[in-house]
């Protein structure tokens, strides 16, 4: 059986946070980077989105681009 919706939310949020940590990108820096891609977030709103794990695919893609990732390995989720 596959993951539940809650498990997917948790996995995606953990993935983004892990990639931020690997890149040495703070929440403040991530907010700055997201602004360059048209997203207006505060440090608090970013924290809450990643805590909930529920956000639009467009936001996820902007995070991945902001972190300059070349791809996503699905087995990492």
Protein backbone atom coordinates (compact mmCIF):
# COMPACT_ATOMS: atom_id res chain seq x y z
CA UNK A 1 0.00 0.00 0.00
CA UNK A 2 1.25 3.49 -0.84
CA UNK A 3 1.65 6.48 1.43
CA UNK A 4 -1.33 8.31 2.85
CA UNK A 5 -1.86 11.99 2.10
CA UNK A 6 -0.53 12.90 5.55
CA UNK A 7 2.57 10.78 4.96
CA UNK A 8 3.17 12.55 1.62
CA UNK A 9 2.85 15.96 3.28
CA UNK A 10 5.36 14.96 5.94
CA UNK A 11 7.78 13.47 3.41
CA UNK A 12 7.74 16.50 1.10
CA UNK A 13 8.19 18.97 3.96
CA UNK A 14 11.08 16.94 5.39
CA UNK A 15 12.64 16.75 1.91
CA UNK A 16 12.59 20.53 1.38
CA UNK A 17 13.95 21.18 4.88
CA UNK A 18 16.71 18.60 4.40
CA UNK A 19 17.72 20.13 1.07
CA UNK A 20 17.79 23.59 2.64
CA UNK A 21 20.04 22.26 5.40
CA UNK A 22 22.34 20.49 2.92
CA UNK A 23 22.68 23.73 0.95
CA UNK A 24 23.23 25.80 4.09
CA UNK A 25 20.17 27.90 3.26
CA UNK A 26 18.39 29.51 6.22
CA UNK A 27 14.71 30.36 6.24
CA UNK A 28 15.61 34.04 5.81
CA UNK A 29 17.76 33.22 2.79
CA UNK A 30 15.06 30.96 1.34
CA UNK A 31 12.54 33.80 1.59
CA UNK A 32 14.96 36.00 -0.35
CA UNK A 33 15.46 33.33 -3.00
CA UNK A 34 11.74 32.70 -3.36
CA UNK A 35 11.19 36.43 -3.91
CA UNK A 36 13.44 36.17 -6.96
CA UNK A 37 10.94 33.64 -8.35
CA UNK A 38 7.83 35.72 -7.68
CA UNK A 39 6.84 34.33 -4.28
CA UNK A 40 6.18 36.78 -1.47
CA UNK A 41 6.74 34.88 1.76
CA UNK A 42 7.73 35.89 5.24
CA UNK A 43 10.00 33.77 7.39
CA UNK A 44 6.93 32.85 9.46
CA UNK A 45 4.79 31.87 6.45
CA UNK A 46 7.61 29.73 5.07
CA UNK A 47 8.04 28.06 8.46
CA UNK A 48 4.32 27.34 8.69
CA UNK A 49 4.10 25.96 5.14
CA UNK A 50 6.97 23.58 5.79
CA UNK A 51 5.53 22.63 9.17
CA UNK A 52 2.14 21.78 7.62
CA UNK A 53 3.65 20.24 4.51
CA UNK A 54 0.63 21.39 2.53
CA UNK A 55 1.44 23.76 -0.31
CA UNK A 56 0.92 24.12 -4.03
CA UNK A 57 3.08 22.28 -6.52
CA UNK A 58 4.16 25.67 -7.86
CA UNK A 59 5.57 26.55 -4.44
CA UNK A 60 7.42 23.23 -4.28
CA UNK A 61 8.90 23.83 -7.73
CA UNK A 62 9.99 27.35 -6.73
CA UNK A 63 11.69 25.88 -3.65
CA UNK A 64 13.54 23.32 -5.78
CA UNK A 65 14.64 25.99 -8.26
CA UNK A 66 15.63 28.32 -5.42
CA UNK A 67 17.84 25.58 -4.02
CA UNK A 68 19.33 25.04 -7.49
CA UNK A 69 18.51 21.34 -7.45
CA UNK A 70 18.98 19.51 -10.73
CA UNK A 71 16.32 16.94 -9.98
CA UNK A 72 14.35 15.08 -7.39
CA UNK A 73 14.98 11.44 -6.58
CA UNK A 74 11.59 10.03 -5.72
CA UNK A 75 13.13 7.40 -3.48
CA UNK A 76 14.30 10.27 -1.23
CA UNK A 77 10.67 11.10 -0.45
